[in-house]
């Protein structure tokens, strides 16, 4: 089958609701700062009503945001996820199609509503995410569109989706479909707590099915249960063909075999860190699928991350391709 997509992303279909608040708001509403918290539908409704009316609503989820970044760079991408047969689900699908990404997944009829994430952004740019996973957690192997996966040069898996056994099975199934078609598989670790919950399963998946791993420094250390960054890097070298690791103010590192490339941080005012890792992944994946070297791909990833942290919201506010060209990058 010919390649139709640079990337087919599989992840949680979540409507993001983002608002700027102060630290007192977090204390008042018992929100742990700079963490991802799984919440009930009742808690979701409570926080939705508590957030200021200036909130922004956008179709997101980690992999969904990466798809938006890929499209902004000019890449061809598709998203695979589970929404409910409700107004929020319909809006999510419509928004994906509006940015030029194909959406695969039949809506859940009855039961849980479409997922939402209440994201509180404090003045220091930290985001505290309160997520009702809803229908997104019902994604199963039967929802994997094999033809779409086989049509993607890369399959991109979102670690957040890993919380239910059915989703784990879907990951393995999608990965096997991709490998059978001669495609490659990437995974993002998503969150330290996600790693802590599924460490053994993640390590097994990385070793047996993945060609590229995305993680931030804290997630990488958590995978291998060490405080030694260099030791963790040596572990990931052995477990994955390529690893792309973000290190906040230290920039990012890409390793492949015995080779290491460091992309220095790009100075920026941090208004909202939501989506920084997602857009970094978009830049790296675009670079890898369009002939850039691994180091150039890391630099592009840093540029995409810098753009998104400079404004509220997890998606690019400007055309990333034009931004990259203006920065002298070969895209």
C-alpha atoms as a PDB file:
ATOM      1  CA  UNK A   1       0.000   0.000   0.000  1.00  0.00           C
ATOM      2  CA  UNK A   2       1.406   3.450  -0.900  1.00  0.00           C
ATOM      3  CA  UNK A   3       2.123   5.958   1.853  1.00  0.00           C
ATOM      4  CA  UNK A   4      -0.704   8.472   2.265  1.00  0.00           C
ATOM      5  CA  UNK A   5       0.210   9.963   5.636  1.00  0.00           C
ATOM      6  CA  UNK A   6       3.492  11.027   7.180  1.00  0.00           C
ATOM      7  CA  UNK A   7       2.008  10.149  10.566  1.00  0.00           C
ATOM      8  CA  UNK A   8      -1.061   8.314  11.822  1.00  0.00           C
ATOM      9  CA  UNK A   9      -1.554   9.233  15.481  1.00  0.00           C
ATOM     10  CA  UNK A  10      -3.471   7.115  17.960  1.00  0.00           C
ATOM     11  CA  UNK A  11      -4.522   8.830  21.179  1.00  0.00           C
ATOM     12  CA  UNK A  12      -7.121  10.238  23.517  1.00  0.00           C
ATOM     13  CA  UNK A  13      -9.679  12.443  21.768  1.00  0.00           C
ATOM     14  CA  UNK A  14     -10.031  15.188  24.372  1.00  0.00           C
ATOM     15  CA  UNK A  15     -11.627  18.608  24.173  1.00  0.00           C
ATOM     16  CA  UNK A  16      -9.224  20.961  25.966  1.00  0.00           C
ATOM     17  CA  UNK A  17     -10.677  23.797  28.039  1.00  0.00           C
ATOM     18  CA  UNK A  18      -7.883  26.240  28.913  1.00  0.00           C
ATOM     19  CA  UNK A  19      -7.970  29.263  31.196  1.00  0.00           C
ATOM     20  CA  UNK A  20      -5.511  31.620  32.856  1.00  0.00           C
ATOM     21  CA  UNK A  21      -5.819  31.608  36.639  1.00  0.00           C
ATOM     22  CA  UNK A  22      -3.706  32.559  39.644  1.00  0.00           C
ATOM     23  CA  UNK A  23      -2.239  30.205  42.230  1.00  0.00           C
ATOM     24  CA  UNK A  24      -5.019  31.073  44.685  1.00  0.00           C
ATOM     25  CA  UNK A  25      -7.484  29.540  42.215  1.00  0.00           C
ATOM     26  CA  UNK A  26      -5.598  26.239  42.395  1.00  0.00           C
ATOM     27  CA  UNK A  27      -5.669  26.285  46.187  1.00  0.00           C
ATOM     28  CA  UNK A  28      -9.348  27.273  46.333  1.00  0.00           C
ATOM     29  CA  UNK A  29     -10.389  24.461  44.009  1.00  0.00           C
ATOM     30  CA  UNK A  30      -7.938  21.843  45.314  1.00  0.00           C
ATOM     31  CA  UNK A  31      -5.977  21.500  42.067  1.00  0.00           C
ATOM     32  CA  UNK A  32      -2.442  20.036  42.363  1.00  0.00           C
ATOM     33  CA  UNK A  33      -0.103  22.344  40.471  1.00  0.00           C
ATOM     34  CA  UNK A  34       1.741  21.238  37.319  1.00  0.00           C
ATOM     35  CA  UNK A  35       0.223  17.775  37.390  1.00  0.00           C
ATOM     36  CA  UNK A  36      -2.185  15.743  35.295  1.00  0.00           C
ATOM     37  CA  UNK A  37      -5.121  14.638  37.428  1.00  0.00           C
ATOM     38  CA  UNK A  38      -7.777  12.163  36.320  1.00  0.00           C
ATOM     39  CA  UNK A  39     -11.200  13.359  37.444  1.00  0.00           C
ATOM     40  CA  UNK A  40     -14.841  12.264  37.490  1.00  0.00           C
ATOM     41  CA  UNK A  41     -17.513  13.712  35.186  1.00  0.00           C
ATOM     42  CA  UNK A  42     -18.960  15.556  38.189  1.00  0.00           C
ATOM     43  CA  UNK A  43     -15.574  17.118  39.000  1.00  0.00           C
ATOM     44  CA  UNK A  44     -15.177  17.988  35.318  1.00  0.00           C
ATOM     45  CA  UNK A  45     -18.487  19.874  35.282  1.00  0.00           C
ATOM     46  CA  UNK A  46     -17.578  21.624  38.544  1.00  0.00           C
ATOM     47  CA  UNK A  47     -14.230  22.886  37.225  1.00  0.00           C
ATOM     48  CA  UNK A  48     -15.722  23.837  33.861  1.00  0.00           C
ATOM     49  CA  UNK A  49     -18.146  26.144  35.654  1.00  0.00           C
ATOM     50  CA  UNK A  50     -15.398  27.419  37.987  1.00  0.00           C
ATOM     51  CA  UNK A  51     -12.986  28.438  35.233  1.00  0.00           C
ATOM     52  CA  UNK A  52     -13.263  32.070  34.106  1.00  0.00           C
ATOM     53  CA  UNK A  53     -15.418  32.768  31.025  1.00  0.00           C
ATOM     54  CA  UNK A  54     -12.297  33.787  29.074  1.00  0.00           C
ATOM     55  CA  UNK A  55     -11.450  30.087  28.734  1.00  0.00           C
ATOM     56  CA  UNK A  56     -10.450  28.677  25.339  1.00  0.00           C
ATOM     57  CA  UNK A  57     -11.897  25.406  24.019  1.00  0.00           C
ATOM     58  CA  UNK A  58     -10.032  23.408  21.391  1.00  0.00           C
ATOM     59  CA  UNK A  59      -9.907  19.831  20.154  1.00  0.00           C
ATOM     60  CA  UNK A  60      -6.786  18.412  21.714  1.00  0.00           C
ATOM     61  CA  UNK A  61      -5.350  15.553  23.636  1.00  0.00           C
ATOM     62  CA  UNK A  62      -1.604  15.046  23.306  1.00  0.00           C
ATOM     63  CA  UNK A  63      -1.578  13.183  19.981  1.00  0.00           C
ATOM     64  CA  UNK A  64      -4.287  15.450  18.584  1.00  0.00           C
ATOM     65  CA  UNK A  65      -2.132  18.487  19.311  1.00  0.00           C
ATOM     66  CA  UNK A  66       0.808  16.830  17.570  1.00  0.00           C
ATOM     67  CA  UNK A  67      -1.366  16.231  14.509  1.00  0.00           C
ATOM     68  CA  UNK A  68      -2.265  19.937  14.503  1.00  0.00           C
ATOM     69  CA  UNK A  69       1.439  20.806  14.565  1.00  0.00           C
ATOM     70  CA  UNK A  70       2.230  18.417  11.735  1.00  0.00           C
ATOM     71  CA  UNK A  71      -0.500  19.951   9.604  1.00  0.00           C
ATOM     72  CA  UNK A  72       0.806  23.459  10.363  1.00  0.00           C
ATOM     73  CA  UNK A  73       4.231  22.350   9.098  1.00  0.00           C
ATOM     74  CA  UNK A  74       2.647  21.026   5.909  1.00  0.00           C
ATOM     75  CA  UNK A  75       2.692  17.339   6.778  1.00  0.00           C
ATOM     76  CA  UNK A  76      -0.042  14.829   5.981  1.00  0.00           C
ATOM     77  CA  UNK A  77      -1.528  13.326   9.135  1.00  0.00           C
ATOM     78  CA  UNK A  78      -4.470  11.366  10.452  1.00  0.00           C
ATOM     79  CA  UNK A  79      -5.851  10.904  13.952  1.00  0.00           C
ATOM     80  CA  UNK A  80      -7.436   7.792  15.398  1.00  0.00           C
ATOM     81  CA  UNK A  81      -9.419   8.016  18.630  1.00  0.00           C
ATOM     82  CA  UNK A  82     -12.764   7.579  20.367  1.00  0.00           C
ATOM     83  CA  UNK A  83     -15.379  10.255  20.891  1.00  0.00           C
ATOM     84  CA  UNK A  84     -18.966   9.901  22.078  1.00  0.00           C
ATOM     85  CA  UNK A  85     -22.040  10.411  19.929  1.00  0.00           C
ATOM     86  CA  UNK A  86     -22.597  13.866  21.431  1.00  0.00           C
ATOM     87  CA  UNK A  87     -22.121  17.535  20.549  1.00  0.00           C
ATOM     88  CA  UNK A  88     -18.582  17.699  21.955  1.00  0.00           C
ATOM     89  CA  UNK A  89     -17.601  14.594  19.975  1.00  0.00           C
ATOM     90  CA  UNK A  90     -19.015  16.045  16.764  1.00  0.00           C
ATOM     91  CA  UNK A  91     -17.133  19.297  17.384  1.00  0.00           C
ATOM     92  CA  UNK A  92     -13.901  17.367  17.933  1.00  0.00           C
ATOM     93  CA  UNK A  93     -14.170  15.492  14.635  1.00  0.00           C
ATOM     94  CA  UNK A  94     -15.153  18.655  12.754  1.00  0.00           C
ATOM     95  CA  UNK A  95     -12.179  20.523  14.185  1.00  0.00           C
ATOM     96  CA  UNK A  96      -9.762  17.783  13.086  1.00  0.00           C
ATOM     97  CA  UNK A  97     -11.172  17.847   9.582  1.00  0.00           C
ATOM     98  CA  UNK A  98     -10.999  21.653   9.555  1.00  0.00           C
ATOM     99  CA  UNK A  99      -7.205  21.553   9.944  1.00  0.00           C
ATOM    100  CA  UNK A 100      -6.966  19.021   7.123  1.00  0.00           C
ATOM    101  CA  UNK A 101      -6.429  15.871   9.181  1.00  0.00           C
ATOM    102  CA  UNK A 102      -8.418  12.703   8.538  1.00  0.00           C
ATOM    103  CA  UNK A 103     -10.237  11.301  11.568  1.00  0.00           C
ATOM    104  CA  UNK A 104     -10.760   7.579  12.086  1.00  0.00           C
ATOM    105  CA  UNK A 105     -13.015   6.148  14.771  1.00  0.00           C
ATOM    106  CA  UNK A 106     -16.694   5.346  15.189  1.00  0.00           C
ATOM    107  CA  UNK A 107     -18.432   7.306  17.977  1.00  0.00           C
ATOM    108  CA  UNK A 108     -19.429   5.604  21.207  1.00  0.00           C
ATOM    109  CA  UNK A 109     -23.216   5.334  21.456  1.00  0.00           C
ATOM    110  CA  UNK A 110     -24.497   5.445  25.010  1.00  0.00           C
ATOM    111  CA  UNK A 111     -22.350   5.455  28.114  1.00  0.00           C
ATOM    112  CA  UNK A 112     -19.568   7.955  28.701  1.00  0.00           C
ATOM    113  CA  UNK A 113     -19.495  11.395  27.101  1.00  0.00           C
ATOM    114  CA  UNK A 114     -16.605  12.793  25.056  1.00  0.00           C
ATOM    115  CA  UNK A 115     -13.474  13.476  27.094  1.00  0.00           C
ATOM    116  CA  UNK A 116     -12.639  16.956  28.371  1.00  0.00           C
ATOM    117  CA  UNK A 117      -9.577  18.378  30.093  1.00  0.00           C
ATOM    118  CA  UNK A 118      -9.805  21.434  32.342  1.00  0.00           C
ATOM    119  CA  UNK A 119      -6.394  23.096  32.060  1.00  0.00           C
ATOM    120  CA  UNK A 120      -5.536  25.829  34.553  1.00  0.00           C
ATOM    121  CA  UNK A 121      -2.546  27.964  33.488  1.00  0.00           C
ATOM    122  CA  UNK A 122      -0.802  30.042  36.167  1.00  0.00           C
ATOM    123  CA  UNK A 123       1.287  33.203  35.521  1.00  0.00           C
ATOM    124  CA  UNK A 124       4.527  31.177  35.557  1.00  0.00           C
ATOM    125  CA  UNK A 125       3.312  29.231  32.515  1.00  0.00           C
ATOM    126  CA  UNK A 126       2.744  25.979  34.391  1.00  0.00           C
ATOM    127  CA  UNK A 127      -0.377  24.046  33.423  1.00  0.00           C
ATOM    128  CA  UNK A 128      -2.397  21.943  35.815  1.00  0.00           C
ATOM    129  CA  UNK A 129      -4.485  19.457  33.864  1.00  0.00           C
ATOM    130  CA  UNK A 130      -7.698  17.963  35.214  1.00  0.00           C
ATOM    131  CA  UNK A 131      -8.909  15.371  32.772  1.00  0.00           C
ATOM    132  CA  UNK A 132     -12.118  13.402  32.451  1.00  0.00           C
ATOM    133  CA  UNK A 133     -11.122  10.676  30.002  1.00  0.00           C
ATOM    134  CA  UNK A 134     -14.690   9.720  29.148  1.00  0.00           C
ATOM    135  CA  UNK A 135     -15.317   7.927  25.868  1.00  0.00           C
ATOM    136  CA  UNK A 136     -11.640   8.153  24.859  1.00  0.00           C
ATOM    137  CA  UNK A 137     -10.807   5.249  27.181  1.00  0.00           C
ATOM    138  CA  UNK A 138     -13.168   2.952  25.289  1.00  0.00           C
ATOM    139  CA  UNK A 139     -10.793   2.776  22.319  1.00  0.00           C
ATOM    140  CA  UNK A 140     -10.135  -0.880  21.545  1.00  0.00           C
ATOM    141  CA  UNK A 141      -8.374  -3.028  18.964  1.00  0.00           C
ATOM    142  CA  UNK A 142     -11.610  -3.168  16.963  1.00  0.00           C
ATOM    143  CA  UNK A 143     -11.363   0.637  16.527  1.00  0.00           C
ATOM    144  CA  UNK A 144      -7.977   0.414  14.811  1.00  0.00           C
ATOM    145  CA  UNK A 145      -8.385   1.110  11.101  1.00  0.00           C
ATOM    146  CA  UNK A 146      -5.741  -1.226   9.669  1.00  0.00           C
ATOM    147  CA  UNK A 147      -5.773   0.362   6.218  1.00  0.00           C
ATOM    148  CA  UNK A 148      -5.163   3.810   7.688  1.00  0.00           C
ATOM    149  CA  UNK A 149      -2.303   2.548   9.875  1.00  0.00           C
ATOM    150  CA  UNK A 150      -0.721   0.789   6.901  1.00  0.00           C
ATOM    151  CA  UNK A 151      -0.979   4.022   4.901  1.00  0.00           C
ATOM    152  CA  UNK A 152       1.118   5.968   7.417  1.00  0.00           C
ATOM    153  CA  UNK A 153       4.913   6.180   7.249  1.00  0.00           C
ATOM    154  CA  UNK A 154       4.908   6.388  11.059  1.00  0.00           C
ATOM    155  CA  UNK A 155       2.395   5.261  13.675  1.00  0.00           C
ATOM    156  CA  UNK A 156       2.491   7.598  16.691  1.00  0.00           C
ATOM    157  CA  UNK A 157       1.189   6.238  20.001  1.00  0.00           C
ATOM    158  CA  UNK A 158       0.122   8.448  22.919  1.00  0.00           C
ATOM    159  CA  UNK A 159       1.096   7.040  26.312  1.00  0.00           C
ATOM    160  CA  UNK A 160      -1.893   8.649  28.040  1.00  0.00           C
ATOM    161  CA  UNK A 161      -4.164   6.139  26.286  1.00  0.00           C
ATOM    162  CA  UNK A 162      -2.444   3.232  28.006  1.00  0.00           C
ATOM    163  CA  UNK A 163      -4.551   3.162  31.170  1.00  0.00           C
ATOM    164  CA  UNK A 164      -7.055   0.484  30.167  1.00  0.00           C
ATOM    165  CA  UNK A 165      -6.299  -3.114  29.112  1.00  0.00           C
ATOM    166  CA  UNK A 166      -8.320  -2.691  25.907  1.00  0.00           C
ATOM    167  CA  UNK A 167      -6.183   0.291  24.911  1.00  0.00           C
ATOM    168  CA  UNK A 168      -2.989  -1.670  25.562  1.00  0.00           C
ATOM    169  CA  UNK A 169      -4.293  -4.380  23.257  1.00  0.00           C
ATOM    170  CA  UNK A 170      -5.114  -1.725  20.660  1.00  0.00           C
ATOM    171  CA  UNK A 171      -1.546  -0.380  20.880  1.00  0.00           C
ATOM    172  CA  UNK A 172      -0.060  -3.799  20.254  1.00  0.00           C
ATOM    173  CA  UNK A 173      -2.493  -4.515  17.423  1.00  0.00           C
ATOM    174  CA  UNK A 174      -1.849  -1.168  15.711  1.00  0.00           C
ATOM    175  CA  UNK A 175       1.914  -1.623  16.109  1.00  0.00           C
ATOM    176  CA  UNK A 176       1.783  -5.080  14.576  1.00  0.00           C
ATOM    177  CA  UNK A 177      -0.274  -3.770  11.651  1.00  0.00           C
ATOM    178  CA  UNK A 178       2.292  -1.017  11.124  1.00  0.00           C
ATOM    179  CA  UNK A 179       5.240  -3.399  11.279  1.00  0.00           C
ATOM    180  CA  UNK A 180       3.571  -5.864   8.919  1.00  0.00           C
ATOM    181  CA  UNK A 181       3.182  -3.035   6.405  1.00  0.00           C
ATOM    182  CA  UNK A 182       6.847  -2.071   6.738  1.00  0.00           C
ATOM    183  CA  UNK A 183       6.070   1.109   8.691  1.00  0.00           C
ATOM    184  CA  UNK A 184       7.707   2.526  11.819  1.00  0.00           C
ATOM    185  CA  UNK A 185       6.316   3.124  15.299  1.00  0.00           C
ATOM    186  CA  UNK A 186       6.870   6.018  17.712  1.00  0.00           C
ATOM    187  CA  UNK A 187       5.548   6.414  21.244  1.00  0.00           C
ATOM    188  CA  UNK A 188       5.417   9.346  23.648  1.00  0.00           C
ATOM    189  CA  UNK A 189       5.616   8.635  27.383  1.00  0.00           C
ATOM    190  CA  UNK A 190       3.152  11.490  28.077  1.00  0.00           C
ATOM    191  CA  UNK A 191       3.516  11.885  31.860  1.00  0.00           C
ATOM    192  CA  UNK A 192       5.626  10.705  34.817  1.00  0.00           C
ATOM    193  CA  UNK A 193       2.593   9.266  36.594  1.00  0.00           C
ATOM    194  CA  UNK A 194       1.626   7.452  33.393  1.00  0.00           C
ATOM    195  CA  UNK A 195       5.118   5.919  33.346  1.00  0.00           C
ATOM    196  CA  UNK A 196       4.854   4.934  37.015  1.00  0.00           C
ATOM    197  CA  UNK A 197       1.553   3.158  36.382  1.00  0.00           C
ATOM    198  CA  UNK A 198       2.745   1.217  33.339  1.00  0.00           C
ATOM    199  CA  UNK A 199       6.536   1.030  33.558  1.00  0.00           C
ATOM    200  CA  UNK A 200       6.952  -2.667  32.728  1.00  0.00           C
ATOM    201  CA  UNK A 201       4.444  -2.550  29.885  1.00  0.00           C
ATOM    202  CA  UNK A 202       6.060   0.567  28.418  1.00  0.00           C
ATOM    203  CA  UNK A 203       9.541  -0.945  28.531  1.00  0.00           C
ATOM    204  CA  UNK A 204       8.267  -4.116  26.873  1.00  0.00           C
ATOM    205  CA  UNK A 205       6.482  -2.125  24.151  1.00  0.00           C
ATOM    206  CA  UNK A 206       9.558   0.030  23.525  1.00  0.00           C
ATOM    207  CA  UNK A 207      11.829  -2.987  23.190  1.00  0.00           C
ATOM    208  CA  UNK A 208       9.537  -5.042  20.986  1.00  0.00           C
ATOM    209  CA  UNK A 209       7.546  -2.623  18.827  1.00  0.00           C
ATOM    210  CA  UNK A 210       8.944   0.932  18.836  1.00  0.00           C
ATOM    211  CA  UNK A 211      11.534   2.668  16.661  1.00  0.00           C
ATOM    212  CA  UNK A 212      11.335   6.105  18.297  1.00  0.00           C
ATOM    213  CA  UNK A 213      10.595   7.143  21.878  1.00  0.00           C
ATOM    214  CA  UNK A 214       9.639  10.655  23.008  1.00  0.00           C
ATOM    215  CA  UNK A 215      10.094  11.547  26.678  1.00  0.00           C
ATOM    216  CA  UNK A 216      11.008  14.479  28.842  1.00  0.00           C
ATOM    217  CA  UNK A 217      13.879  14.095  31.279  1.00  0.00           C
ATOM    218  CA  UNK A 218      11.657  13.256  34.258  1.00  0.00           C
ATOM    219  CA  UNK A 219       9.809  10.583  32.281  1.00  0.00           C
ATOM    220  CA  UNK A 220      13.049   9.032  31.044  1.00  0.00           C
ATOM    221  CA  UNK A 221      14.420   8.837  34.581  1.00  0.00           C
ATOM    222  CA  UNK A 222      11.140   7.313  35.760  1.00  0.00           C
ATOM    223  CA  UNK A 223      11.207   4.621  33.060  1.00  0.00           C
ATOM    224  CA  UNK A 224      14.536   3.309  34.289  1.00  0.00           C
ATOM    225  CA  UNK A 225      14.068   4.227  37.971  1.00  0.00           C
ATOM    226  CA  UNK A 226      17.267   6.242  38.221  1.00  0.00           C
ATOM    227  CA  UNK A 227      18.380   9.782  39.040  1.00  0.00           C
ATOM    228  CA  UNK A 228      21.302   9.533  36.621  1.00  0.00           C
ATOM    229  CA  UNK A 229      20.423  11.087  33.255  1.00  0.00           C
ATOM    230  CA  UNK A 230      23.418   9.604  31.441  1.00  0.00           C
ATOM    231  CA  UNK A 231      22.596   6.130  32.734  1.00  0.00           C
ATOM    232  CA  UNK A 232      18.985   6.485  31.581  1.00  0.00           C
ATOM    233  CA  UNK A 233      20.161   7.633  28.150  1.00  0.00           C
ATOM    234  CA  UNK A 234      22.398   4.581  27.843  1.00  0.00           C
ATOM    235  CA  UNK A 235      19.419   2.359  28.694  1.00  0.00           C
ATOM    236  CA  UNK A 236      17.196   3.951  26.050  1.00  0.00           C
ATOM    237  CA  UNK A 237      19.976   3.625  23.465  1.00  0.00           C
ATOM    238  CA  UNK A 238      19.759  -0.132  23.904  1.00  0.00           C
ATOM    239  CA  UNK A 239      15.968  -0.297  23.952  1.00  0.00           C
ATOM    240  CA  UNK A 240      15.032   1.966  21.018  1.00  0.00           C
ATOM    241  CA  UNK A 241      16.520   2.850  17.654  1.00  0.00           C
ATOM    242  CA  UNK A 242      15.946   6.574  18.312  1.00  0.00           C
ATOM    243  CA  UNK A 243      15.047   8.514  21.460  1.00  0.00           C
ATOM    244  CA  UNK A 244      14.128  12.211  21.567  1.00  0.00           C
ATOM    245  CA  UNK A 245      14.383  13.691  25.061  1.00  0.00           C
ATOM    246  CA  UNK A 246      13.368  17.199  26.102  1.00  0.00           C
ATOM    247  CA  UNK A 247      15.219  18.804  29.022  1.00  0.00           C
ATOM    248  CA  UNK A 248      13.411  22.123  29.548  1.00  0.00           C
ATOM    249  CA  UNK A 249      16.040  24.899  29.852  1.00  0.00           C
ATOM    250  CA  UNK A 250      18.759  22.494  28.642  1.00  0.00           C
ATOM    251  CA  UNK A 251      17.122  22.058  25.252  1.00  0.00           C
ATOM    252  CA  UNK A 252      16.653  18.590  23.825  1.00  0.00           C
ATOM    253  CA  UNK A 253      18.741  15.526  23.074  1.00  0.00           C
ATOM    254  CA  UNK A 254      18.324  12.935  20.328  1.00  0.00           C
ATOM    255  CA  UNK A 255      20.231   9.681  20.559  1.00  0.00           C
ATOM    256  CA  UNK A 256      20.532   6.884  18.034  1.00  0.00           C
ATOM    257  CA  UNK A 257      22.929   4.033  18.619  1.00  0.00           C
ATOM    258  CA  UNK A 258      26.193   5.543  19.856  1.00  0.00           C
ATOM    259  CA  UNK A 259      25.396   8.969  18.364  1.00  0.00           C
ATOM    260  CA  UNK A 260      24.094  11.953  20.327  1.00  0.00           C
ATOM    261  CA  UNK A 261      22.826  15.308  19.053  1.00  0.00           C
ATOM    262  CA  UNK A 262      21.986  18.223  21.333  1.00  0.00           C
ATOM    263  CA  UNK A 263      19.640  20.994  20.226  1.00  0.00           C
ATOM    264  CA  UNK A 264      20.013  24.025  22.518  1.00  0.00           C
ATOM    265  CA  UNK A 265      16.969  25.701  24.007  1.00  0.00           C
ATOM    266  CA  UNK A 266      15.481  28.654  22.151  1.00  0.00           C
ATOM    267  CA  UNK A 267      14.848  31.590  24.451  1.00  0.00           C
ATOM    268  CA  UNK A 268      11.155  32.407  24.858  1.00  0.00           C
ATOM    269  CA  UNK A 269       8.677  33.955  27.233  1.00  0.00           C
ATOM    270  CA  UNK A 270       6.629  31.137  28.734  1.00  0.00           C
ATOM    271  CA  UNK A 271       2.957  32.032  28.853  1.00  0.00           C
ATOM    272  CA  UNK A 272       1.506  28.504  28.755  1.00  0.00           C
ATOM    273  CA  UNK A 273       3.513  25.257  28.690  1.00  0.00           C
ATOM    274  CA  UNK A 274       0.491  23.271  27.464  1.00  0.00           C
ATOM    275  CA  UNK A 275       1.368  21.384  24.296  1.00  0.00           C
ATOM    276  CA  UNK A 276       5.129  22.063  24.356  1.00  0.00           C
ATOM    277  CA  UNK A 277       6.040  18.377  24.236  1.00  0.00           C
ATOM    278  CA  UNK A 278       3.324  17.712  21.673  1.00  0.00           C
ATOM    279  CA  UNK A 279       4.644  20.357  19.300  1.00  0.00           C
ATOM    280  CA  UNK A 280       8.227  19.222  19.840  1.00  0.00           C
ATOM    281  CA  UNK A 281       7.117  15.772  18.691  1.00  0.00           C
ATOM    282  CA  UNK A 282       5.412  17.334  15.672  1.00  0.00           C
ATOM    283  CA  UNK A 283       8.633  19.047  14.637  1.00  0.00           C
ATOM    284  CA  UNK A 284      10.761  15.949  15.081  1.00  0.00           C
ATOM    285  CA  UNK A 285       8.317  13.692  13.236  1.00  0.00           C
ATOM    286  CA  UNK A 286       7.984  16.162  10.390  1.00  0.00           C
ATOM    287  CA  UNK A 287      11.746  16.423  10.117  1.00  0.00           C
ATOM    288  CA  UNK A 288      12.264  12.665  10.107  1.00  0.00           C
ATOM    289  CA  UNK A 289       9.607  12.161   7.420  1.00  0.00           C
ATOM    290  CA  UNK A 290      10.905  14.985   5.215  1.00  0.00           C
ATOM    291  CA  UNK A 291      14.601  14.262   4.909  1.00  0.00           C
ATOM    292  CA  UNK A 292      16.003  16.340   7.775  1.00  0.00           C
ATOM    293  CA  UNK A 293      18.830  14.946   9.886  1.00  0.00           C
ATOM    294  CA  UNK A 294      18.069  13.967  13.470  1.00  0.00           C
ATOM    295  CA  UNK A 295      19.786  17.101  14.751  1.00  0.00           C
ATOM    296  CA  UNK A 296      17.844  19.316  12.325  1.00  0.00           C
ATOM    297  CA  UNK A 297      14.662  17.544  13.380  1.00  0.00           C
ATOM    298  CA  UNK A 298      15.419  18.305  17.036  1.00  0.00           C
ATOM    299  CA  UNK A 299      16.032  21.981  16.221  1.00  0.00           C
ATOM    300  CA  UNK A 300      12.692  22.095  14.385  1.00  0.00           C
ATOM    301  CA  UNK A 301      11.033  20.441  17.366  1.00  0.00           C
ATOM    302  CA  UNK A 302      12.468  23.078  19.690  1.00  0.00           C
ATOM    303  CA  UNK A 303      11.205  25.830  17.387  1.00  0.00           C
ATOM    304  CA  UNK A 304       7.685  24.393  17.391  1.00  0.00           C
ATOM    305  CA  UNK A 305       7.734  24.070  21.185  1.00  0.00           C
ATOM    306  CA  UNK A 306       8.964  27.658  21.571  1.00  0.00           C
ATOM    307  CA  UNK A 307       6.084  28.934  19.456  1.00  0.00           C
ATOM    308  CA  UNK A 308       3.369  27.183  21.438  1.00  0.00           C
ATOM    309  CA  UNK A 309       4.600  28.182  24.923  1.00  0.00           C
ATOM    310  CA  UNK A 310       4.451  31.849  23.924  1.00  0.00           C
ATOM    311  CA  UNK A 311       0.648  31.957  23.909  1.00  0.00           C
ATOM    312  CA  UNK A 312      -2.383  30.354  25.525  1.00  0.00           C
ATOM    313  CA  UNK A 313      -3.426  27.064  23.946  1.00  0.00           C
ATOM    314  CA  UNK A 314      -1.744  23.818  22.833  1.00  0.00           C
ATOM    315  CA  UNK A 315      -1.880  24.403  19.089  1.00  0.00           C
ATOM    316  CA  UNK A 316       0.256  26.705  16.924  1.00  0.00           C
ATOM    317  CA  UNK A 317      -1.002  30.272  16.676  1.00  0.00           C
ATOM    318  CA  UNK A 318       0.998  30.915  13.497  1.00  0.00           C
ATOM    319  CA  UNK A 319       1.918  28.812  10.474  1.00  0.00           C
ATOM    320  CA  UNK A 320       4.815  26.663  11.672  1.00  0.00           C
ATOM    321  CA  UNK A 321       6.142  26.073   8.176  1.00  0.00           C
ATOM    322  CA  UNK A 322       6.464  29.799   7.560  1.00  0.00           C
ATOM    323  CA  UNK A 323       8.071  30.210  10.995  1.00  0.00           C
ATOM    324  CA  UNK A 324      10.609  27.485  10.230  1.00  0.00           C
ATOM    325  CA  UNK A 325      11.454  28.964   6.825  1.00  0.00           C
ATOM    326  CA  UNK A 326      11.954  32.396   8.410  1.00  0.00           C
ATOM    327  CA  UNK A 327      14.322  30.771  10.932  1.00  0.00           C
ATOM    328  CA  UNK A 328      16.380  29.338   8.079  1.00  0.00           C
ATOM    329  CA  UNK A 329      15.368  25.709   8.594  1.00  0.00           C
ATOM    330  CA  UNK A 330      15.084  23.374   5.614  1.00  0.00           C
ATOM    331  CA  UNK A 331      11.460  22.282   5.580  1.00  0.00           C
END
